[in-house]
Amino acid sequence: MKQSFTSNHLVRYLYSEVTVSERLGLEEALTRDFGLFEEYSELKAAYRALPKVTFSPSKQSLQRVLEYSSERAALERSH
């Protein structure tokens, strides 16, 4: 049975969020379906063009989260 792959499958493949069987099926389909390969190539180029952003919370934000976590843990232990 031939499986149809969507743009969603291709995006998930780019981000390594597919199962092993999906990955194998997609890789085989990409070798056989030029239209699918073309779409994948365009998505891959767009993915590579995205800025690589990392986020780092402020020390104050981390401290607030840790304090909240400690308070919640203390409440859980007291009940």
PDB file of N, CA and C in Angstrom:
ATOM      1  N   MET A   1       0.835  -1.181   0.000  1.00  0.00           N
ATOM      2  CA  MET A   1       0.000   0.000   0.000  1.00  0.00           C
ATOM      3  C   MET A   1       0.882   1.247   0.000  1.00  0.00           C
ATOM      4  N   LYS A   2       0.623   2.152  -0.908  1.00  0.00           N
ATOM      5  CA  LYS A   2       1.397   3.383  -1.011  1.00  0.00           C
ATOM      6  C   LYS A   2       0.861   4.394  -0.010  1.00  0.00           C
ATOM      7  N   GLN A   3       1.775   4.978   0.762  1.00  0.00           N
ATOM      8  CA  GLN A   3       1.373   5.968   1.765  1.00  0.00           C
ATOM      9  C   GLN A   3       1.569   7.371   1.210  1.00  0.00           C
ATOM     10  N   SER A   4       0.602   8.229   1.486  1.00  0.00           N
ATOM     11  CA  SER A   4       0.708   9.632   1.080  1.00  0.00           C
ATOM     12  C   SER A   4       1.304  10.425   2.226  1.00  0.00           C
ATOM     13  N   PHE A   5       2.259  11.266   1.907  1.00  0.00           N
ATOM     14  CA  PHE A   5       2.883  12.108   2.916  1.00  0.00           C
ATOM     15  C   PHE A   5       2.491  13.552   2.667  1.00  0.00           C
ATOM     16  N   THR A   6       2.284  14.277   3.744  1.00  0.00           N
ATOM     17  CA  THR A   6       1.868  15.675   3.677  1.00  0.00           C
ATOM     18  C   THR A   6       3.035  16.585   4.056  1.00  0.00           C
ATOM     19  N   SER A   7       2.801  17.873   3.908  1.00  0.00           N
ATOM     20  CA  SER A   7       3.801  18.857   4.336  1.00  0.00           C
ATOM     21  C   SER A   7       4.082  18.710   5.826  1.00  0.00           C
ATOM     22  N   ASN A   8       3.061  18.371   6.586  1.00  0.00           N
ATOM     23  CA  ASN A   8       3.228  18.168   8.022  1.00  0.00           C
ATOM     24  C   ASN A   8       4.228  17.044   8.293  1.00  0.00           C
ATOM     25  N   HIS A   9       4.141  15.960   7.540  1.00  0.00           N
ATOM     26  CA  HIS A   9       5.099  14.869   7.688  1.00  0.00           C
ATOM     27  C   HIS A   9       6.519  15.358   7.405  1.00  0.00           C
ATOM     28  N   LEU A  10       6.648  16.156   6.354  1.00  0.00           N
ATOM     29  CA  LEU A  10       7.970  16.648   5.973  1.00  0.00           C
ATOM     30  C   LEU A  10       8.560  17.569   7.039  1.00  0.00           C
ATOM     31  N   VAL A  11       7.732  18.418   7.622  1.00  0.00           N
ATOM     32  CA  VAL A  11       8.203  19.311   8.681  1.00  0.00           C
ATOM     33  C   VAL A  11       8.618  18.494   9.898  1.00  0.00           C
ATOM     34  N   ARG A  12       7.810  17.521  10.263  1.00  0.00           N
ATOM     35  CA  ARG A  12       8.158  16.656  11.395  1.00  0.00           C
ATOM     36  C   ARG A  12       9.450  15.902  11.118  1.00  0.00           C
ATOM     37  N   TYR A  13       9.658  15.499   9.871  1.00  0.00           N
ATOM     38  CA  TYR A  13      10.890  14.812   9.475  1.00  0.00           C
ATOM     39  C   TYR A  13      12.087  15.754   9.639  1.00  0.00           C
ATOM     40  N   LEU A  14      11.940  16.999   9.203  1.00  0.00           N
ATOM     41  CA  LEU A  14      13.022  17.985   9.342  1.00  0.00           C
ATOM     42  C   LEU A  14      13.432  18.172  10.798  1.00  0.00           C
ATOM     43  N   TYR A  15      12.459  18.142  11.690  1.00  0.00           N
ATOM     44  CA  TYR A  15      12.722  18.357  13.108  1.00  0.00           C
ATOM     45  C   TYR A  15      12.951  17.039  13.870  1.00  0.00           C
ATOM     46  N   SER A  16      13.115  15.947  13.136  1.00  0.00           N
ATOM     47  CA  SER A  16      13.359  14.618  13.734  1.00  0.00           C
ATOM     48  C   SER A  16      12.271  14.226  14.723  1.00  0.00           C
ATOM     49  N   GLU A  17      11.014  14.462  14.341  1.00  0.00           N
ATOM     50  CA  GLU A  17       9.887  14.157  15.209  1.00  0.00           C
ATOM     51  C   GLU A  17       8.993  13.065  14.613  1.00  0.00           C
ATOM     52  N   VAL A  18       9.568  12.221  13.770  1.00  0.00           N
ATOM     53  CA  VAL A  18       8.808  11.127  13.176  1.00  0.00           C
ATOM     54  C   VAL A  18       9.258   9.814  13.791  1.00  0.00           C
ATOM     55  N   THR A  19       8.403   8.820  13.685  1.00  0.00           N
ATOM     56  CA  THR A  19       8.770   7.492  14.161  1.00  0.00           C
ATOM     57  C   THR A  19       9.765   6.872  13.178  1.00  0.00           C
ATOM     58  N   VAL A  20      10.368   5.792  13.578  1.00  0.00           N
ATOM     59  CA  VAL A  20      11.324   5.107  12.707  1.00  0.00           C
ATOM     60  C   VAL A  20      10.636   4.650  11.426  1.00  0.00           C
ATOM     61  N   SER A  21       9.440   4.103  11.542  1.00  0.00           N
ATOM     62  CA  SER A  21       8.738   3.628  10.343  1.00  0.00           C
ATOM     63  C   SER A  21       8.351   4.792   9.427  1.00  0.00           C
ATOM     64  N   GLU A  22       7.947   5.922  10.003  1.00  0.00           N
ATOM     65  CA  GLU A  22       7.647   7.099   9.181  1.00  0.00           C
ATOM     66  C   GLU A  22       8.900   7.590   8.474  1.00  0.00           C
ATOM     67  N   ARG A  23      10.012   7.627   9.209  1.00  0.00           N
ATOM     68  CA  ARG A  23      11.269   8.092   8.628  1.00  0.00           C
ATOM     69  C   ARG A  23      11.668   7.219   7.443  1.00  0.00           C
ATOM     70  N   LEU A  24      11.592   5.914   7.619  1.00  0.00           N
ATOM     71  CA  LEU A  24      11.953   4.995   6.538  1.00  0.00           C
ATOM     72  C   LEU A  24      11.024   5.160   5.341  1.00  0.00           C
ATOM     73  N   GLY A  25       9.728   5.284   5.617  1.00  0.00           N
ATOM     74  CA  GLY A  25       8.754   5.476   4.544  1.00  0.00           C
ATOM     75  C   GLY A  25       8.975   6.785   3.799  1.00  0.00           C
ATOM     76  N   LEU A  26       9.245   7.842   4.548  1.00  0.00           N
ATOM     77  CA  LEU A  26       9.501   9.145   3.931  1.00  0.00           C
ATOM     78  C   LEU A  26      10.764   9.117   3.087  1.00  0.00           C
ATOM     79  N   GLU A  27      11.813   8.525   3.612  1.00  0.00           N
ATOM     80  CA  GLU A  27      13.066   8.479   2.864  1.00  0.00           C
ATOM     81  C   GLU A  27      12.907   7.709   1.561  1.00  0.00           C
ATOM     82  N   GLU A  28      12.144   6.633   1.610  1.00  0.00           N
ATOM     83  CA  GLU A  28      11.889   5.880   0.377  1.00  0.00           C
ATOM     84  C   GLU A  28      11.038   6.698  -0.587  1.00  0.00           C
ATOM     85  N   ALA A  29       9.997   7.356  -0.051  1.00  0.00           N
ATOM     86  CA  ALA A  29       9.119   8.169  -0.894  1.00  0.00           C
ATOM     87  C   ALA A  29       9.888   9.328  -1.527  1.00  0.00           C
ATOM     88  N   LEU A  30      10.830   9.898  -0.804  1.00  0.00           N
ATOM     89  CA  LEU A  30      11.610  11.015  -1.333  1.00  0.00           C
ATOM     90  C   LEU A  30      12.474  10.587  -2.524  1.00  0.00           C
ATOM     91  N   THR A  31      12.883   9.334  -2.548  1.00  0.00           N
ATOM     92  CA  THR A  31      13.688   8.854  -3.679  1.00  0.00           C
ATOM     93  C   THR A  31      12.826   8.539  -4.898  1.00  0.00           C
ATOM     94  N   ARG A  32      11.542   8.324  -4.689  1.00  0.00           N
ATOM     95  CA  ARG A  32      10.657   7.914  -5.790  1.00  0.00           C
ATOM     96  C   ARG A  32       9.735   9.019  -6.301  1.00  0.00           C
ATOM     97  N   ASP A  33       9.441   9.999  -5.456  1.00  0.00           N
ATOM     98  CA  ASP A  33       8.465  11.035  -5.804  1.00  0.00           C
ATOM     99  C   ASP A  33       9.169  12.382  -5.922  1.00  0.00           C
ATOM    100  N   PHE A  34       9.404  12.828  -7.159  1.00  0.00           N
ATOM    101  CA  PHE A  34      10.144  14.067  -7.373  1.00  0.00           C
ATOM    102  C   PHE A  34       9.404  15.269  -6.791  1.00  0.00           C
ATOM    103  N   GLY A  35       8.085  15.301  -6.886  1.00  0.00           N
ATOM    104  CA  GLY A  35       7.301  16.405  -6.333  1.00  0.00           C
ATOM    105  C   GLY A  35       7.476  16.503  -4.832  1.00  0.00           C
ATOM    106  N   LEU A  36       7.446  15.359  -4.167  1.00  0.00           N
ATOM    107  CA  LEU A  36       7.643  15.324  -2.718  1.00  0.00           C
ATOM    108  C   LEU A  36       9.070  15.768  -2.375  1.00  0.00           C
ATOM    109  N   PHE A  37      10.041  15.300  -3.146  1.00  0.00           N
ATOM    110  CA  PHE A  37      11.428  15.685  -2.912  1.00  0.00           C
ATOM    111  C   PHE A  37      11.618  17.188  -3.112  1.00  0.00           C
ATOM    112  N   GLU A  38      10.962  17.740  -4.115  1.00  0.00           N
ATOM    113  CA  GLU A  38      11.053  19.173  -4.378  1.00  0.00           C
ATOM    114  C   GLU A  38      10.468  19.973  -3.205  1.00  0.00           C
ATOM    115  N   GLU A  39       9.321  19.535  -2.709  1.00  0.00           N
ATOM    116  CA  GLU A  39       8.702  20.206  -1.557  1.00  0.00           C
ATOM    117  C   GLU A  39       9.609  20.110  -0.330  1.00  0.00           C
ATOM    118  N   TYR A  40      10.189  18.928  -0.120  1.00  0.00           N
ATOM    119  CA  TYR A  40      11.107  18.732   1.001  1.00  0.00           C
ATOM    120  C   TYR A  40      12.318  19.667   0.868  1.00  0.00           C
ATOM    121  N   SER A  41      12.856  19.774  -0.325  1.00  0.00           N
ATOM    122  CA  SER A  41      14.018  20.641  -0.555  1.00  0.00           C
ATOM    123  C   SER A  41      13.703  22.093  -0.233  1.00  0.00           C
ATOM    124  N   GLU A  42      12.513  22.544  -0.613  1.00  0.00           N
ATOM    125  CA  GLU A  42      12.093  23.920  -0.312  1.00  0.00           C
ATOM    126  C   GLU A  42      11.924  24.127   1.190  1.00  0.00           C
ATOM    127  N   LEU A  43      11.307  23.161   1.860  1.00  0.00           N
ATOM    128  CA  LEU A  43      11.132  23.256   3.308  1.00  0.00           C
ATOM    129  C   LEU A  43      12.482  23.233   4.023  1.00  0.00           C
ATOM    130  N   LYS A  44      13.383  22.402   3.537  1.00  0.00           N
ATOM    131  CA  LYS A  44      14.707  22.297   4.150  1.00  0.00           C
ATOM    132  C   LYS A  44      15.472  23.612   3.993  1.00  0.00           C
ATOM    133  N   ALA A  45      15.366  24.232   2.825  1.00  0.00           N
ATOM    134  CA  ALA A  45      16.029  25.518   2.606  1.00  0.00           C
ATOM    135  C   ALA A  45      15.447  26.580   3.536  1.00  0.00           C
ATOM    136  N   ALA A  46      14.137  26.578   3.705  1.00  0.00           N
ATOM    137  CA  ALA A  46      13.492  27.542   4.608  1.00  0.00           C
ATOM    138  C   ALA A  46      13.917  27.286   6.049  1.00  0.00           C
ATOM    139  N   TYR A  47      13.986  26.029   6.428  1.00  0.00           N
ATOM    140  CA  TYR A  47      14.413  25.643   7.777  1.00  0.00           C
ATOM    141  C   TYR A  47      15.831  26.146   8.054  1.00  0.00           C
ATOM    142  N   ARG A  48      16.712  25.968   7.095  1.00  0.00           N
ATOM    143  CA  ARG A  48      18.102  26.411   7.260  1.00  0.00           C
ATOM    144  C   ARG A  48      18.212  27.932   7.316  1.00  0.00           C
ATOM    145  N   ALA A  49      17.271  28.621   6.686  1.00  0.00           N
ATOM    146  CA  ALA A  49      17.303  30.083   6.670  1.00  0.00           C
ATOM    147  C   ALA A  49      16.776  30.697   7.965  1.00  0.00           C
ATOM    148  N   LEU A  50      16.067  29.904   8.757  1.00  0.00           N
ATOM    149  CA  LEU A  50      15.546  30.417  10.026  1.00  0.00           C
ATOM    150  C   LEU A  50      16.694  30.744  10.965  1.00  0.00           C
ATOM    151  N   PRO A  51      16.569  31.830  11.695  1.00  0.00           N
ATOM    152  CA  PRO A  51      17.629  32.158  12.654  1.00  0.00           C
ATOM    153  C   PRO A  51      17.664  31.117  13.765  1.00  0.00           C
ATOM    154  N   LYS A  52      18.844  30.795  14.187  1.00  0.00           N
ATOM    155  CA  LYS A  52      19.010  29.835  15.283  1.00  0.00           C
ATOM    156  C   LYS A  52      18.982  30.623  16.584  1.00  0.00           C
ATOM    157  N   VAL A  53      17.851  30.556  17.245  1.00  0.00           N
ATOM    158  CA  VAL A  53      17.619  31.370  18.437  1.00  0.00           C
ATOM    159  C   VAL A  53      17.662  30.480  19.665  1.00  0.00           C
ATOM    160  N   THR A  54      18.300  30.972  20.683  1.00  0.00           N
ATOM    161  CA  THR A  54      18.252  30.309  21.980  1.00  0.00           C
ATOM    162  C   THR A  54      17.758  31.330  22.991  1.00  0.00           C
ATOM    163  N   PHE A  55      17.015  30.862  23.939  1.00  0.00           N
ATOM    164  CA  PHE A  55      16.450  31.742  24.948  1.00  0.00           C
ATOM    165  C   PHE A  55      17.058  31.400  26.301  1.00  0.00           C
ATOM    166  N   SER A  56      17.399  32.422  27.026  1.00  0.00           N
ATOM    167  CA  SER A  56      17.944  32.242  28.370  1.00  0.00           C
ATOM    168  C   SER A  56      17.165  33.135  29.320  1.00  0.00           C
ATOM    169  N   PRO A  57      16.494  32.540  30.287  1.00  0.00           N
ATOM    170  CA  PRO A  57      15.750  33.355  31.245  1.00  0.00           C
ATOM    171  C   PRO A  57      16.720  34.122  32.154  1.00  0.00           C
ATOM    172  N   SER A  58      16.246  35.205  32.694  1.00  0.00           N
ATOM    173  CA  SER A  58      17.070  35.988  33.618  1.00  0.00           C
ATOM    174  C   SER A  58      17.263  35.198  34.916  1.00  0.00           C
ATOM    175  N   LYS A  59      18.299  35.568  35.660  1.00  0.00           N
ATOM    176  CA  LYS A  59      18.544  34.918  36.951  1.00  0.00           C
ATOM    177  C   LYS A  59      17.357  35.117  37.882  1.00  0.00           C
ATOM    178  N   GLN A  60      16.739  36.295  37.797  1.00  0.00           N
ATOM    179  CA  GLN A  60      15.583  36.592  38.647  1.00  0.00           C
ATOM    180  C   GLN A  60      14.419  35.647  38.309  1.00  0.00           C
ATOM    181  N   SER A  61      14.191  35.396  37.050  1.00  0.00           N
ATOM    182  CA  SER A  61      13.111  34.485  36.656  1.00  0.00           C
ATOM    183  C   SER A  61      13.381  33.069  37.150  1.00  0.00           C
ATOM    184  N   LEU A  62      14.613  32.621  36.995  1.00  0.00           N
ATOM    185  CA  LEU A  62      14.969  31.280  37.484  1.00  0.00           C
ATOM    186  C   LEU A  62      14.778  31.188  38.992  1.00  0.00           C
ATOM    187  N   GLN A  63      15.193  32.225  39.693  1.00  0.00           N
ATOM    188  CA  GLN A  63      15.045  32.233  41.151  1.00  0.00           C
ATOM    189  C   GLN A  63      13.572  32.159  41.551  1.00  0.00           C
ATOM    190  N   ARG A  64      12.718  32.892  40.862  1.00  0.00           N
ATOM    191  CA  ARG A  64      11.276  32.862  41.158  1.00  0.00           C
ATOM    192  C   ARG A  64      10.693  31.467  40.930  1.00  0.00           C
ATOM    193  N   VAL A  65      11.095  30.826  39.860  1.00  0.00           N
ATOM    194  CA  VAL A  65      10.604  29.476  39.569  1.00  0.00           C
ATOM    195  C   VAL A  65      11.059  28.514  40.660  1.00  0.00           C
ATOM    196  N   LEU A  66      12.319  28.602  41.058  1.00  0.00           N
ATOM    197  CA  LEU A  66      12.833  27.722  42.102  1.00  0.00           C
ATOM    198  C   LEU A  66      12.132  27.959  43.434  1.00  0.00           C
ATOM    199  N   GLU A  67      11.886  29.227  43.758  1.00  0.00           N
ATOM    200  CA  GLU A  67      11.181  29.541  45.002  1.00  0.00           C
ATOM    201  C   GLU A  67       9.754  29.000  44.970  1.00  0.00           C
ATOM    202  N   TYR A  68       9.079  29.168  43.855  1.00  0.00           N
ATOM    203  CA  TYR A  68       7.710  28.657  43.719  1.00  0.00           C
ATOM    204  C   TYR A  68       7.704  27.138  43.864  1.00  0.00           C
ATOM    205  N   SER A  69       8.656  26.494  43.227  1.00  0.00           N
ATOM    206  CA  SER A  69       8.746  25.038  43.292  1.00  0.00           C
ATOM    207  C   SER A  69       8.962  24.575  44.732  1.00  0.00           C
ATOM    208  N   SER A  70       9.840  25.255  45.433  1.00  0.00           N
ATOM    209  CA  SER A  70      10.097  24.909  46.841  1.00  0.00           C
ATOM    210  C   SER A  70       8.849  25.100  47.690  1.00  0.00           C
ATOM    211  N   GLU A  71       8.151  26.202  47.469  1.00  0.00           N
ATOM    212  CA  GLU A  71       6.924  26.467  48.220  1.00  0.00           C
ATOM    213  C   GLU A  71       5.876  25.392  47.953  1.00  0.00           C
ATOM    214  N   ARG A  72       5.712  25.010  46.689  1.00  0.00           N
ATOM    215  CA  ARG A  72       4.736  23.973  46.341  1.00  0.00           C
ATOM    216  C   ARG A  72       5.112  22.639  46.958  1.00  0.00           C
ATOM    217  N   ALA A  73       6.397  22.305  46.930  1.00  0.00           N
ATOM    218  CA  ALA A  73       6.846  21.042  47.518  1.00  0.00           C
ATOM    219  C   ALA A  73       6.580  21.030  49.016  1.00  0.00           C
ATOM    220  N   ALA A  74       6.815  22.161  49.687  1.00  0.00           N
ATOM    221  CA  ALA A  74       6.551  22.250  51.123  1.00  0.00           C
ATOM    222  C   ALA A  74       5.061  22.086  51.422  1.00  0.00           C
ATOM    223  N   LEU A  75       4.203  22.693  50.584  1.00  0.00           N
ATOM    224  CA  LEU A  75       2.760  22.545  50.756  1.00  0.00           C
ATOM    225  C   LEU A  75       2.322  21.102  50.559  1.00  0.00           C
ATOM    226  N   GLU A  76       2.884  20.438  49.579  1.00  0.00           N
ATOM    227  CA  GLU A  76       2.530  19.038  49.302  1.00  0.00           C
ATOM    228  C   GLU A  76       2.932  18.149  50.489  1.00  0.00           C
ATOM    229  N   ARG A  77       4.082  18.410  51.066  1.00  0.00           N
ATOM    230  CA  ARG A  77       4.554  17.599  52.200  1.00  0.00           C
ATOM    231  C   ARG A  77       3.682  17.835  53.433  1.00  0.00           C
ATOM    232  N   SER A  78       3.153  19.041  53.588  1.00  0.00           N
ATOM    233  CA  SER A  78       2.362  19.364  54.773  1.00  0.00           C
ATOM    234  C   SER A  78       0.938  18.814  54.701  1.00  0.00           C
ATOM    235  N   HIS A  79       0.495  18.416  53.542  1.00  0.00           N
ATOM    236  CA  HIS A  79      -0.884  17.893  53.398  1.00  0.00           C
ATOM    237  C   HIS A  79      -0.905  16.434  53.461  1.00  0.00           C
TER     238      HIS A  79
END
